[in-house]
Each structure stands twice: as C-alpha cells, then as structure tokens.
Amino acid sequence: MKVAMLDNLKESPEQVSGWFGRARKFIADVRAELGRVTWPTRREVWATTVVVILVSLLFGIYLYSVDLFLSWFVQKLFTWLGA
C-alpha cells in the first residue's frame, strides 16, 4: 500500500513541491512560451500604428460628415413639417 502511494507521488511532482514548485514551473513555461513568440520589428510597429491612426481619422471624418448631413436633413424636415 505504501509503495503504491510513493509511486503516485513520483508521478506528480507538483503535489510534492507545493505552490512554490508550481510557481517555478509556471514561470519556466511562460519563459519558454515567450521564446517562441515572433515579435514585430520596429518598422512593422510604426507601419501598423500609422495605418491605425489614418483609418481612425478617415472614419472620424466620415462619421462627422454623416452627422452633419443628418442634422441638416432633420432640421429641414422639421421646418417643412412646421415643428
């Protein structure tokens, strides 16, 4: 019976080492995963940043013009209806 219990402990070392061992394993796994990440170059970051800023400006201008048109249209509609 005791031999079977010791075999189970050998199979799962995180139970033996407790939270400290699990934390060390987690940090080691994180470092290994970060080593596999493909990081963008500085040029790629600048390019995508410029694209995001330009698209945001274009959408802002578009929505502003739609808002102006709808405001003008609703104002004309109200004056036509006599409100």
C-alpha atoms as a PDB file:
ATOM      1  CA  MET A   1       0.000   0.000   0.000  1.00  0.00           C
ATOM      2  CA  LYS A   2       2.786   2.427   0.918  1.00  0.00           C
ATOM      3  CA  VAL A   3       4.687   1.567  -2.259  1.00  0.00           C
ATOM      4  CA  ALA A   4       1.672   2.475  -4.406  1.00  0.00           C
ATOM      5  CA  MET A   5       1.372   5.809  -2.613  1.00  0.00           C
ATOM      6  CA  LEU A   6       5.047   6.587  -3.192  1.00  0.00           C
ATOM      7  CA  ASP A   7       4.694   5.735  -6.889  1.00  0.00           C
ATOM      8  CA  ASN A   8       1.829   8.224  -7.157  1.00  0.00           C
ATOM      9  CA  LEU A   9       3.977  10.904  -5.563  1.00  0.00           C
ATOM     10  CA  LYS A  10       6.788  10.259  -8.022  1.00  0.00           C
ATOM     11  CA  GLU A  11       4.394  10.611 -10.969  1.00  0.00           C
ATOM     12  CA  SER A  12       3.105  14.023  -9.912  1.00  0.00           C
ATOM     13  CA  PRO A  13       5.966  16.182  -8.607  1.00  0.00           C
ATOM     14  CA  GLU A  14       3.806  19.307  -8.283  1.00  0.00           C
ATOM     15  CA  GLN A  15       1.999  17.686  -5.366  1.00  0.00           C
ATOM     16  CA  VAL A  16       5.309  17.151  -3.608  1.00  0.00           C
ATOM     17  CA  SER A  17       6.723  20.614  -4.253  1.00  0.00           C
ATOM     18  CA  GLY A  18       3.549  22.547  -3.410  1.00  0.00           C
ATOM     19  CA  TRP A  19       2.721  26.027  -4.591  1.00  0.00           C
ATOM     20  CA  PHE A  20       6.360  27.101  -4.838  1.00  0.00           C
ATOM     21  CA  GLY A  21       7.166  24.299  -7.273  1.00  0.00           C
ATOM     22  CA  ARG A  22       4.053  25.061  -9.319  1.00  0.00           C
ATOM     23  CA  ALA A  23       5.015  28.743  -9.436  1.00  0.00           C
ATOM     24  CA  ARG A  24       8.523  27.867 -10.651  1.00  0.00           C
ATOM     25  CA  LYS A  25       7.066  25.581 -13.305  1.00  0.00           C
ATOM     26  CA  PHE A  26       4.629  28.288 -14.392  1.00  0.00           C
ATOM     27  CA  ILE A  27       7.412  30.868 -14.750  1.00  0.00           C
ATOM     28  CA  ALA A  28       9.554  28.391 -16.688  1.00  0.00           C
ATOM     29  CA  ASP A  29       6.600  27.666 -19.002  1.00  0.00           C
ATOM     30  CA  VAL A  30       5.997  31.380 -19.527  1.00  0.00           C
ATOM     31  CA  ARG A  31       9.644  31.985 -20.413  1.00  0.00           C
ATOM     32  CA  ALA A  32       9.604  29.067 -22.845  1.00  0.00           C
ATOM     33  CA  GLU A  33       6.422  30.356 -24.488  1.00  0.00           C
ATOM     34  CA  LEU A  34       7.805  33.896 -24.797  1.00  0.00           C
ATOM     35  CA  GLY A  35      10.840  32.442 -26.527  1.00  0.00           C
ATOM     36  CA  ARG A  36       8.565  31.064 -29.262  1.00  0.00           C
ATOM     37  CA  VAL A  37       6.817  34.386 -29.885  1.00  0.00           C
ATOM     38  CA  THR A  38       7.573  36.185 -33.148  1.00  0.00           C
ATOM     39  CA  TRP A  39       7.954  39.815 -32.142  1.00  0.00           C
ATOM     40  CA  PRO A  40       7.285  42.550 -34.737  1.00  0.00           C
ATOM     41  CA  THR A  41      10.125  44.753 -35.882  1.00  0.00           C
ATOM     42  CA  ARG A  42      10.214  48.464 -35.125  1.00  0.00           C
ATOM     43  CA  ARG A  43       9.335  49.190 -38.751  1.00  0.00           C
ATOM     44  CA  GLU A  44       6.275  46.905 -38.623  1.00  0.00           C
ATOM     45  CA  VAL A  45       5.072  48.573 -35.418  1.00  0.00           C
ATOM     46  CA  TRP A  46       5.416  52.046 -36.978  1.00  0.00           C
ATOM     47  CA  ALA A  47       3.632  50.933 -40.146  1.00  0.00           C
ATOM     48  CA  THR A  48       0.673  49.422 -38.323  1.00  0.00           C
ATOM     49  CA  THR A  49       0.473  52.418 -35.973  1.00  0.00           C
ATOM     50  CA  VAL A  50       0.292  54.813 -38.932  1.00  0.00           C
ATOM     51  CA  VAL A  51      -2.401  52.662 -40.559  1.00  0.00           C
ATOM     52  CA  VAL A  52      -4.488  52.645 -37.374  1.00  0.00           C
ATOM     53  CA  ILE A  53      -4.198  56.432 -36.977  1.00  0.00           C
ATOM     54  CA  LEU A  54      -5.099  57.113 -40.629  1.00  0.00           C
ATOM     55  CA  VAL A  55      -8.071  54.738 -40.613  1.00  0.00           C
ATOM     56  CA  SER A  56      -9.295  56.280 -37.348  1.00  0.00           C
ATOM     57  CA  LEU A  57      -9.058  59.776 -38.850  1.00  0.00           C
ATOM     58  CA  LEU A  58     -10.884  58.713 -42.016  1.00  0.00           C
ATOM     59  CA  PHE A  59     -13.687  57.076 -40.056  1.00  0.00           C
ATOM     60  CA  GLY A  60     -13.922  60.119 -37.796  1.00  0.00           C
ATOM     61  CA  ILE A  61     -14.231  62.462 -40.788  1.00  0.00           C
ATOM     62  CA  TYR A  62     -16.780  60.148 -42.412  1.00  0.00           C
ATOM     63  CA  LEU A  63     -18.931  59.915 -39.282  1.00  0.00           C
ATOM     64  CA  TYR A  64     -18.672  63.675 -38.738  1.00  0.00           C
ATOM     65  CA  SER A  65     -19.910  64.345 -42.282  1.00  0.00           C
ATOM     66  CA  VAL A  66     -22.771  61.839 -41.911  1.00  0.00           C
ATOM     67  CA  ASP A  67     -23.721  63.516 -38.629  1.00  0.00           C
ATOM     68  CA  LEU A  68     -23.697  66.965 -40.253  1.00  0.00           C
ATOM     69  CA  PHE A  69     -25.845  65.746 -43.145  1.00  0.00           C
ATOM     70  CA  LEU A  70     -28.364  64.020 -40.880  1.00  0.00           C
ATOM     71  CA  SER A  71     -28.575  67.081 -38.616  1.00  0.00           C
ATOM     72  CA  TRP A  72     -29.186  69.312 -41.625  1.00  0.00           C
ATOM     73  CA  PHE A  73     -31.769  66.882 -43.026  1.00  0.00           C
ATOM     74  CA  VAL A  74     -33.680  66.583 -39.740  1.00  0.00           C
ATOM     75  CA  GLN A  75     -33.641  70.370 -39.312  1.00  0.00           C
ATOM     76  CA  LYS A  76     -35.071  70.849 -42.838  1.00  0.00           C
ATOM     77  CA  LEU A  77     -37.637  68.116 -42.223  1.00  0.00           C
ATOM     78  CA  PHE A  78     -38.809  69.802 -39.022  1.00  0.00           C
ATOM     79  CA  THR A  79     -39.110  73.192 -40.698  1.00  0.00           C
ATOM     80  CA  TRP A  80     -41.011  71.591 -43.618  1.00  0.00           C
ATOM     81  CA  LEU A  81     -43.402  69.866 -41.205  1.00  0.00           C
ATOM     82  CA  GLY A  82     -43.840  73.100 -39.259  1.00  0.00           C
ATOM     83  CA  ALA A  83     -42.485  71.897 -35.947  1.00  0.00           C
END
